[in-house]
PDB file of all heavy atoms in Angstrom:
ATOM      1  N   SER A   1     -63.607  56.936  38.780  1.00  0.00           N
ATOM      2  CA  SER A   1     -63.913  57.122  40.153  1.00  0.00           C
ATOM      3  C   SER A   1     -63.676  55.820  40.958  1.00  0.00           C
ATOM      4  O   SER A   1     -63.679  54.738  40.391  1.00  0.00           O
ATOM      5  CB  SER A   1     -65.419  57.499  40.334  1.00  0.00           C
ATOM      6  OG  SER A   1     -66.272  56.475  39.782  1.00  0.00           O
ATOM      7  N   ASP A   2     -63.400  55.934  42.230  1.00  0.00           N
ATOM      8  CA  ASP A   2     -63.058  54.784  43.010  1.00  0.00           C
ATOM      9  C   ASP A   2     -64.172  53.755  43.117  1.00  0.00           C
ATOM     10  O   ASP A   2     -63.926  52.579  43.214  1.00  0.00           O
ATOM     11  CB  ASP A   2     -62.663  55.262  44.475  1.00  0.00           C
ATOM     12  CG  ASP A   2     -61.434  56.066  44.489  1.00  0.00           C
ATOM     13  OD1 ASP A   2     -60.618  55.914  43.546  1.00  0.00           O
ATOM     14  OD2 ASP A   2     -61.231  56.899  45.394  1.00  0.00           O
ATOM     15  N   ASP A   3     -65.415  54.265  43.131  1.00  0.00           N
ATOM     16  CA  ASP A   3     -66.519  53.290  43.257  1.00  0.00           C
ATOM     17  C   ASP A   3     -67.222  53.042  41.888  1.00  0.00           C
ATOM     18  O   ASP A   3     -68.404  52.702  41.824  1.00  0.00           O
ATOM     19  CB  ASP A   3     -67.584  53.843  44.232  1.00  0.00           C
ATOM     20  CG  ASP A   3     -68.112  55.177  43.802  1.00  0.00           C
ATOM     21  OD1 ASP A   3     -67.548  55.818  42.895  1.00  0.00           O
ATOM     22  OD2 ASP A   3     -69.167  55.565  44.353  1.00  0.00           O
ATOM     23  N   ALA A   4     -66.415  53.141  40.795  1.00  0.00           N
ATOM     24  CA  ALA A   4     -66.982  52.968  39.479  1.00  0.00           C
ATOM     25  C   ALA A   4     -67.593  51.602  39.299  1.00  0.00           C
ATOM     26  O   ALA A   4     -68.635  51.396  38.686  1.00  0.00           O
ATOM     27  CB  ALA A   4     -65.913  53.166  38.430  1.00  0.00           C
ATOM     28  N   HIS A   5     -66.976  50.542  39.865  1.00  0.00           N
ATOM     29  CA  HIS A   5     -67.486  49.210  39.708  1.00  0.00           C
ATOM     30  C   HIS A   5     -68.838  49.063  40.401  1.00  0.00           C
ATOM     31  O   HIS A   5     -69.761  48.471  39.824  1.00  0.00           O
ATOM     32  CB  HIS A   5     -66.503  48.190  40.358  1.00  0.00           C
ATOM     33  CG  HIS A   5     -67.041  46.759  40.342  1.00  0.00           C
ATOM     34  ND1 HIS A   5     -67.146  46.037  39.199  1.00  0.00           N
ATOM     35  CD2 HIS A   5     -67.544  46.011  41.359  1.00  0.00           C
ATOM     36  CE1 HIS A   5     -67.678  44.870  39.470  1.00  0.00           C
ATOM     37  NE2 HIS A   5     -67.989  44.810  40.735  1.00  0.00           N
ATOM     38  N   MET A   6     -68.995  49.604  41.587  1.00  0.00           N
ATOM     39  CA  MET A   6     -70.279  49.527  42.259  1.00  0.00           C
ATOM     40  C   MET A   6     -71.327  50.370  41.548  1.00  0.00           C
ATOM     41  O   MET A   6     -72.507  50.097  41.652  1.00  0.00           O
ATOM     42  CB  MET A   6     -70.136  50.010  43.707  1.00  0.00           C
ATOM     43  CG  MET A   6     -69.309  49.044  44.585  1.00  0.00           C
ATOM     44  SD  MET A   6     -69.927  47.330  44.532  1.00  0.00           S
ATOM     45  CE  MET A   6     -71.566  47.552  45.191  1.00  0.00           C
ATOM     46  N   GLN A   7     -70.943  51.435  40.860  1.00  0.00           N
ATOM     47  CA  GLN A   7     -71.900  52.206  40.086  1.00  0.00           C
ATOM     48  C   GLN A   7     -72.358  51.400  38.882  1.00  0.00           C
ATOM     49  O   GLN A   7     -73.535  51.473  38.518  1.00  0.00           O
ATOM     50  CB  GLN A   7     -71.239  53.524  39.613  1.00  0.00           C
ATOM     51  CG  GLN A   7     -70.980  54.498  40.750  1.00  0.00           C
ATOM     52  CD  GLN A   7     -70.353  55.760  40.223  1.00  0.00           C
ATOM     53  OE1 GLN A   7     -70.486  56.145  39.026  1.00  0.00           O
ATOM     54  NE2 GLN A   7     -69.626  56.490  41.093  1.00  0.00           N
ATOM     55  N   ARG A   8     -71.461  50.670  38.253  1.00  0.00           N
ATOM     56  CA  ARG A   8     -71.832  49.896  37.067  1.00  0.00           C
ATOM     57  C   ARG A   8     -72.432  48.575  37.384  1.00  0.00           C
ATOM     58  O   ARG A   8     -73.225  48.065  36.641  1.00  0.00           O
ATOM     59  CB  ARG A   8     -70.575  49.712  36.183  1.00  0.00           C
ATOM     60  CG  ARG A   8     -70.892  49.427  34.740  1.00  0.00           C
ATOM     61  CD  ARG A   8     -69.624  49.285  33.907  1.00  0.00           C
ATOM     62  NE  ARG A   8     -69.045  48.015  34.025  1.00  0.00           N
ATOM     63  CZ  ARG A   8     -69.440  46.913  33.312  1.00  0.00           C
ATOM     64  NH1 ARG A   8     -70.426  47.048  32.453  1.00  0.00           N
ATOM     65  NH2 ARG A   8     -68.809  45.770  33.443  1.00  0.00           N
ATOM     66  N   CYS A   9     -72.033  47.999  38.502  1.00  0.00           N
ATOM     67  CA  CYS A   9     -72.550  46.694  38.887  1.00  0.00           C
ATOM     68  C   CYS A   9     -73.133  46.727  40.297  1.00  0.00           C
ATOM     69  O   CYS A   9     -72.524  46.205  41.293  1.00  0.00           O
ATOM     70  CB  CYS A   9     -71.408  45.653  38.854  1.00  0.00           C
ATOM     71  SG  CYS A   9     -70.663  45.458  37.213  1.00  0.00           S
ATOM     72  N   PRO A  10     -74.273  47.362  40.508  1.00  0.00           N
ATOM     73  CA  PRO A  10     -74.831  47.546  41.846  1.00  0.00           C
ATOM     74  C   PRO A  10     -75.577  46.301  42.309  1.00  0.00           C
ATOM     75  O   PRO A  10     -76.000  45.404  41.477  1.00  0.00           O
ATOM     76  CB  PRO A  10     -75.806  48.690  41.672  1.00  0.00           C
ATOM     77  CG  PRO A  10     -76.286  48.564  40.245  1.00  0.00           C
ATOM     78  CD  PRO A  10     -75.066  48.087  39.482  1.00  0.00           C
ATOM     79  N   LEU A  11     -75.695  46.156  43.600  1.00  0.00           N
ATOM     80  CA  LEU A  11     -76.511  45.096  44.204  1.00  0.00           C
ATOM     81  C   LEU A  11     -77.968  45.541  44.279  1.00  0.00           C
ATOM     82  O   LEU A  11     -78.270  46.763  44.266  1.00  0.00           O
ATOM     83  CB  LEU A  11     -76.042  44.795  45.643  1.00  0.00           C
ATOM     84  CG  LEU A  11     -74.648  44.124  45.776  1.00  0.00           C
ATOM     85  CD1 LEU A  11     -74.227  44.140  47.267  1.00  0.00           C
ATOM     86  CD2 LEU A  11     -74.608  42.751  45.238  1.00  0.00           C
ATOM     87  N   TYR A  12     -78.878  44.602  44.308  1.00  0.00           N
ATOM     88  CA  TYR A  12     -80.263  44.917  44.573  1.00  0.00           C
ATOM     89  C   TYR A  12     -80.412  45.200  46.057  1.00  0.00           C
ATOM     90  O   TYR A  12     -80.582  44.294  46.853  1.00  0.00           O
ATOM     91  CB  TYR A  12     -81.175  43.775  44.152  1.00  0.00           C
ATOM     92  CG  TYR A  12     -81.268  43.509  42.656  1.00  0.00           C
ATOM     93  CD1 TYR A  12     -80.802  42.310  42.124  1.00  0.00           C
ATOM     94  CD2 TYR A  12     -81.733  44.460  41.780  1.00  0.00           C
ATOM     95  CE1 TYR A  12     -80.877  42.061  40.770  1.00  0.00           C
ATOM     96  CE2 TYR A  12     -81.815  44.244  40.415  1.00  0.00           C
ATOM     97  CZ  TYR A  12     -81.381  43.036  39.926  1.00  0.00           C
ATOM     98  OH  TYR A  12     -81.448  42.769  38.592  1.00  0.00           O
ATOM     99  N   THR A  13     -80.345  46.439  46.438  1.00  0.00           N
ATOM    100  CA  THR A  13     -80.399  46.790  47.871  1.00  0.00           C
ATOM    101  C   THR A  13     -81.854  46.856  48.351  1.00  0.00           C
ATOM    102  O   THR A  13     -82.102  46.816  49.563  1.00  0.00           O
ATOM    103  CB  THR A  13     -79.727  48.128  48.147  1.00  0.00           C
ATOM    104  OG1 THR A  13     -80.306  49.144  47.264  1.00  0.00           O
ATOM    105  CG2 THR A  13     -78.241  48.021  47.867  1.00  0.00           C
ATOM    106  N   ASN A  14     -82.800  46.944  47.443  1.00  0.00           N
ATOM    107  CA  ASN A  14     -84.219  46.888  47.769  1.00  0.00           C
ATOM    108  C   ASN A  14     -84.842  45.639  47.232  1.00  0.00           C
ATOM    109  O   ASN A  14     -84.667  45.317  46.024  1.00  0.00           O
ATOM    110  CB  ASN A  14     -84.874  48.151  47.191  1.00  0.00           C
ATOM    111  CG  ASN A  14     -86.264  48.387  47.689  1.00  0.00           C
ATOM    112  OD1 ASN A  14     -86.991  47.391  47.982  1.00  0.00           O
ATOM    113  ND2 ASN A  14     -86.704  49.626  47.803  1.00  0.00           N
ATOM    114  N   PHE A  15     -85.538  44.898  48.064  1.00  0.00           N
ATOM    115  CA  PHE A  15     -86.114  43.674  47.643  1.00  0.00           C
ATOM    116  C   PHE A  15     -87.103  43.866  46.456  1.00  0.00           C
ATOM    117  O   PHE A  15     -87.169  43.015  45.557  1.00  0.00           O
ATOM    118  CB  PHE A  15     -86.881  43.037  48.815  1.00  0.00           C
ATOM    119  CG  PHE A  15     -87.508  41.697  48.490  1.00  0.00           C
ATOM    120  CD1 PHE A  15     -86.678  40.560  48.333  1.00  0.00           C
ATOM    121  CD2 PHE A  15     -88.864  41.518  48.306  1.00  0.00           C
ATOM    122  CE1 PHE A  15     -87.246  39.307  48.067  1.00  0.00           C
ATOM    123  CE2 PHE A  15     -89.399  40.313  48.023  1.00  0.00           C
ATOM    124  CZ  PHE A  15     -88.578  39.243  47.894  1.00  0.00           C
ATOM    125  N   ASP A  16     -87.810  44.993  46.409  1.00  0.00           N
ATOM    126  CA  ASP A  16     -88.730  45.234  45.329  1.00  0.00           C
ATOM    127  C   ASP A  16     -88.027  45.477  43.986  1.00  0.00           C
ATOM    128  O   ASP A  16     -88.661  45.341  42.924  1.00  0.00           O
ATOM    129  CB  ASP A  16     -89.564  46.499  45.658  1.00  0.00           C
ATOM    130  CG  ASP A  16     -90.537  46.239  46.829  1.00  0.00           C
ATOM    131  OD1 ASP A  16     -90.901  45.057  47.048  1.00  0.00           O
ATOM    132  OD2 ASP A  16     -90.874  47.226  47.509  1.00  0.00           O
ATOM    133  N   ASP A  17     -86.739  45.784  44.032  1.00  0.00           N
ATOM    134  CA  ASP A  17     -85.965  46.004  42.786  1.00  0.00           C
ATOM    135  C   ASP A  17     -85.622  44.680  42.074  1.00  0.00           C
ATOM    136  O   ASP A  17     -85.272  44.753  40.877  1.00  0.00           O
ATOM    137  CB  ASP A  17     -84.693  46.810  43.058  1.00  0.00           C
ATOM    138  CG  ASP A  17     -84.978  48.204  43.529  1.00  0.00           C
ATOM    139  OD1 ASP A  17     -86.028  48.736  43.199  1.00  0.00           O
ATOM    140  OD2 ASP A  17     -84.092  48.782  44.231  1.00  0.00           O
ATOM    141  N   ILE A  18     -85.664  43.605  42.803  1.00  0.00           N
ATOM    142  CA  ILE A  18     -85.369  42.334  42.135  1.00  0.00           C
ATOM    143  C   ILE A  18     -86.454  41.999  41.130  1.00  0.00           C
ATOM    144  O   ILE A  18     -87.632  41.965  41.519  1.00  0.00           O
ATOM    145  CB  ILE A  18     -85.272  41.196  43.197  1.00  0.00           C
ATOM    146  CG1 ILE A  18     -84.171  41.518  44.232  1.00  0.00           C
ATOM    147  CG2 ILE A  18     -84.982  39.839  42.505  1.00  0.00           C
ATOM    148  CD1 ILE A  18     -84.103  40.476  45.344  1.00  0.00           C
ATOM    149  N   PRO A  19     -86.112  41.811  39.882  1.00  0.00           N
ATOM    150  CA  PRO A  19     -87.137  41.635  38.843  1.00  0.00           C
ATOM    151  C   PRO A  19     -87.783  40.265  38.906  1.00  0.00           C
ATOM    152  O   PRO A  19     -87.144  39.285  39.225  1.00  0.00           O
ATOM    153  CB  PRO A  19     -86.339  41.795  37.549  1.00  0.00           C
ATOM    154  CG  PRO A  19     -84.934  41.439  37.875  1.00  0.00           C
ATOM    155  CD  PRO A  19     -84.748  41.840  39.323  1.00  0.00           C
ATOM    156  N   THR A  20     -89.046  40.215  38.563  1.00  0.00           N
ATOM    157  CA  THR A  20     -89.911  39.054  38.458  1.00  0.00           C
ATOM    158  C   THR A  20     -90.157  38.378  39.819  1.00  0.00           C
ATOM    159  O   THR A  20     -89.286  38.394  40.712  1.00  0.00           O
ATOM    160  CB  THR A  20     -89.360  37.971  37.502  1.00  0.00           C
ATOM    161  OG1 THR A  20     -88.339  37.203  38.131  1.00  0.00           O
ATOM    162  CG2 THR A  20     -88.808  38.590  36.243  1.00  0.00           C
ATOM    163  N   ILE A  21     -91.316  37.834  39.955  1.00  0.00           N
ATOM    164  CA  ILE A  21     -91.688  37.098  41.205  1.00  0.00           C
ATOM    165  C   ILE A  21     -90.819  35.876  41.360  1.00  0.00           C
ATOM    166  O   ILE A  21     -90.365  35.516  42.520  1.00  0.00           O
ATOM    167  CB  ILE A  21     -93.164  36.750  41.220  1.00  0.00           C
ATOM    168  CG1 ILE A  21     -93.556  36.068  42.567  1.00  0.00           C
ATOM    169  CG2 ILE A  21     -93.494  35.821  40.080  1.00  0.00           C
ATOM    170  CD1 ILE A  21     -93.397  37.018  43.759  1.00  0.00           C
ATOM    171  N   PHE A  22     -90.478  35.183  40.274  1.00  0.00           N
ATOM    172  CA  PHE A  22     -89.595  34.040  40.355  1.00  0.00           C
ATOM    173  C   PHE A  22     -88.221  34.493  40.867  1.00  0.00           C
ATOM    174  O   PHE A  22     -87.568  33.759  41.603  1.00  0.00           O
ATOM    175  CB  PHE A  22     -89.455  33.380  38.981  1.00  0.00           C
ATOM    176  CG  PHE A  22     -90.651  32.513  38.629  1.00  0.00           C
ATOM    177  CD1 PHE A  22     -90.870  32.110  37.311  1.00  0.00           C
ATOM    178  CD2 PHE A  22     -91.563  32.113  39.586  1.00  0.00           C
ATOM    179  CE1 PHE A  22     -91.962  31.317  36.944  1.00  0.00           C
ATOM    180  CE2 PHE A  22     -92.671  31.318  39.253  1.00  0.00           C
ATOM    181  CZ  PHE A  22     -92.842  30.925  37.914  1.00  0.00           C
ATOM    182  N   GLY A  23     -87.772  35.641  40.383  1.00  0.00           N
ATOM    183  CA  GLY A  23     -86.480  36.143  40.821  1.00  0.00           C
ATOM    184  C   GLY A  23     -86.425  36.440  42.323  1.00  0.00           C
ATOM    185  O   GLY A  23     -85.431  36.154  42.988  1.00  0.00           O
ATOM    186  N   LYS A  24     -87.496  36.998  42.820  1.00  0.00           N
ATOM    187  CA  LYS A  24     -87.583  37.313  44.234  1.00  0.00           C
ATOM    188  C   LYS A  24     -87.557  36.014  45.060  1.00  0.00           C
ATOM    189  O   LYS A  24     -86.828  35.916  46.055  1.00  0.00           O
ATOM    190  CB  LYS A  24     -88.837  38.066  44.538  1.00  0.00           C
ATOM    191  CG  LYS A  24     -88.844  39.533  44.013  1.00  0.00           C
ATOM    192  CD  LYS A  24     -90.125  40.248  44.328  1.00  0.00           C
ATOM    193  CE  LYS A  24     -90.135  41.734  44.025  1.00  0.00           C
ATOM    194  NZ  LYS A  24     -89.854  42.031  42.605  1.00  0.00           N
ATOM    195  N   VAL A  25     -88.369  35.048  44.628  1.00  0.00           N
ATOM    196  CA  VAL A  25     -88.457  33.801  45.388  1.00  0.00           C
ATOM    197  C   VAL A  25     -87.096  33.068  45.351  1.00  0.00           C
ATOM    198  O   VAL A  25     -86.582  32.519  46.348  1.00  0.00           O
ATOM    199  CB  VAL A  25     -89.553  32.890  44.836  1.00  0.00           C
ATOM    200  CG1 VAL A  25     -89.537  31.535  45.503  1.00  0.00           C
ATOM    201  CG2 VAL A  25     -90.912  33.549  45.016  1.00  0.00           C
ATOM    202  N   SER A  26     -86.483  33.012  44.149  1.00  0.00           N
ATOM    203  CA  SER A  26     -85.178  32.350  43.993  1.00  0.00           C
ATOM    204  C   SER A  26     -84.104  33.006  44.846  1.00  0.00           C
ATOM    205  O   SER A  26     -83.260  32.332  45.434  1.00  0.00           O
ATOM    206  CB  SER A  26     -84.788  32.298  42.518  1.00  0.00           C
ATOM    207  OG  SER A  26     -84.505  33.596  42.022  1.00  0.00           O
ATOM    208  N   ALA A  27     -84.121  34.332  44.932  1.00  0.00           N
ATOM    209  CA  ALA A  27     -83.130  35.072  45.729  1.00  0.00           C
ATOM    210  C   ALA A  27     -83.281  34.688  47.215  1.00  0.00           C
ATOM    211  O   ALA A  27     -82.295  34.450  47.921  1.00  0.00           O
ATOM    212  CB  ALA A  27     -83.241  36.570  45.548  1.00  0.00           C
ATOM    213  N   VAL A  28     -84.540  34.684  47.690  1.00  0.00           N
ATOM    214  CA  VAL A  28     -84.786  34.346  49.086  1.00  0.00           C
ATOM    215  C   VAL A  28     -84.343  32.873  49.392  1.00  0.00           C
ATOM    216  O   VAL A  28     -83.714  32.589  50.376  1.00  0.00           O
ATOM    217  CB  VAL A  28     -86.296  34.491  49.405  1.00  0.00           C
ATOM    218  CG1 VAL A  28     -86.587  33.971  50.800  1.00  0.00           C
ATOM    219  CG2 VAL A  28     -86.655  36.007  49.368  1.00  0.00           C
ATOM    220  N   MET A  29     -84.708  31.976  48.496  1.00  0.00           N
ATOM    221  CA  MET A  29     -84.379  30.585  48.685  1.00  0.00           C
ATOM    222  C   MET A  29     -82.865  30.357  48.653  1.00  0.00           C
ATOM    223  O   MET A  29     -82.345  29.628  49.521  1.00  0.00           O
ATOM    224  CB  MET A  29     -85.087  29.711  47.595  1.00  0.00           C
ATOM    225  CG  MET A  29     -86.599  29.632  47.749  1.00  0.00           C
ATOM    226  SD  MET A  29     -87.355  28.529  46.529  1.00  0.00           S
ATOM    227  CE  MET A  29     -86.726  26.958  47.033  1.00  0.00           C
ATOM    228  N   PHE A  30     -82.191  30.944  47.694  1.00  0.00           N
ATOM    229  CA  PHE A  30     -80.753  30.695  47.579  1.00  0.00           C
ATOM    230  C   PHE A  30     -80.023  31.361  48.771  1.00  0.00           C
ATOM    231  O   PHE A  30     -79.052  30.822  49.275  1.00  0.00           O
ATOM    232  CB  PHE A  30     -80.264  31.309  46.264  1.00  0.00           C
ATOM    233  CG  PHE A  30     -78.922  30.714  45.810  1.00  0.00           C
ATOM    234  CD1 PHE A  30     -78.927  29.603  44.967  1.00  0.00           C
ATOM    235  CD2 PHE A  30     -77.714  31.226  46.189  1.00  0.00           C
ATOM    236  CE1 PHE A  30     -77.737  29.019  44.565  1.00  0.00           C
ATOM    237  CE2 PHE A  30     -76.507  30.656  45.766  1.00  0.00           C
ATOM    238  CZ  PHE A  30     -76.533  29.539  44.930  1.00  0.00           C
ATOM    239  N   ALA A  31     -80.503  32.523  49.207  1.00  0.00           N
ATOM    240  CA  ALA A  31     -79.934  33.149  50.382  1.00  0.00           C
ATOM    241  C   ALA A  31     -80.098  32.270  51.628  1.00  0.00           C
ATOM    242  O   ALA A  31     -79.124  32.106  52.398  1.00  0.00           O
ATOM    243  CB  ALA A  31     -80.517  34.563  50.623  1.00  0.00           C
ATOM    244  N   ALA A  32     -81.312  31.696  51.801  1.00  0.00           N
ATOM    245  CA  ALA A  32     -81.538  30.815  52.922  1.00  0.00           C
ATOM    246  C   ALA A  32     -80.643  29.590  52.802  1.00  0.00           C
ATOM    247  O   ALA A  32     -80.095  29.127  53.830  1.00  0.00           O
ATOM    248  CB  ALA A  32     -83.021  30.423  52.927  1.00  0.00           C
ATOM    249  N   GLY A  33     -80.459  29.081  51.595  1.00  0.00           N
ATOM    250  CA  GLY A  33     -79.607  27.950  51.418  1.00  0.00           C
ATOM    251  C   GLY A  33     -78.187  28.185  51.797  1.00  0.00           C
ATOM    252  O   GLY A  33     -77.517  27.386  52.453  1.00  0.00           O
ATOM    253  N   CYS A  34     -77.711  29.415  51.438  1.00  0.00           N
ATOM    254  CA  CYS A  34     -76.321  29.807  51.786  1.00  0.00           C
ATOM    255  C   CYS A  34     -76.132  29.919  53.335  1.00  0.00           C
ATOM    256  O   CYS A  34     -75.157  29.466  53.861  1.00  0.00           O
ATOM    257  CB  CYS A  34     -75.984  31.158  51.136  1.00  0.00           C
ATOM    258  SG  CYS A  34     -75.758  31.086  49.312  1.00  0.00           S
ATOM    259  N   VAL A  35     -77.128  30.511  54.009  1.00  0.00           N
ATOM    260  CA  VAL A  35     -77.071  30.681  55.438  1.00  0.00           C
ATOM    261  C   VAL A  35     -77.066  29.275  56.096  1.00  0.00           C
ATOM    262  O   VAL A  35     -76.254  29.015  57.039  1.00  0.00           O
ATOM    263  CB  VAL A  35     -78.224  31.492  55.972  1.00  0.00           C
ATOM    264  CG1 VAL A  35     -78.293  31.477  57.489  1.00  0.00           C
ATOM    265  CG2 VAL A  35     -78.136  32.950  55.455  1.00  0.00           C
ATOM    266  N   ILE A  36     -77.925  28.394  55.678  1.00  0.00           N
ATOM    267  CA  ILE A  36     -78.024  27.063  56.291  1.00  0.00           C
ATOM    268  C   ILE A  36     -76.722  26.284  55.970  1.00  0.00           C
ATOM    269  O   ILE A  36     -76.207  25.566  56.859  1.00  0.00           O
ATOM    270  CB  ILE A  36     -79.215  26.298  55.772  1.00  0.00           C
ATOM    271  CG1 ILE A  36     -80.523  27.007  56.156  1.00  0.00           C
ATOM    272  CG2 ILE A  36     -79.250  24.852  56.318  1.00  0.00           C
ATOM    273  CD1 ILE A  36     -81.772  26.439  55.575  1.00  0.00           C
TER     274      ILE A  36
END
């Protein structure tokens, strides 16, 4: 299928799906770092 890669390697589209509290905090911090 054309979207096979996205099916096998999806993004965390929901913040609650990001595993562990450390994972959530690190994702927010790294995203903020990228924007800045």
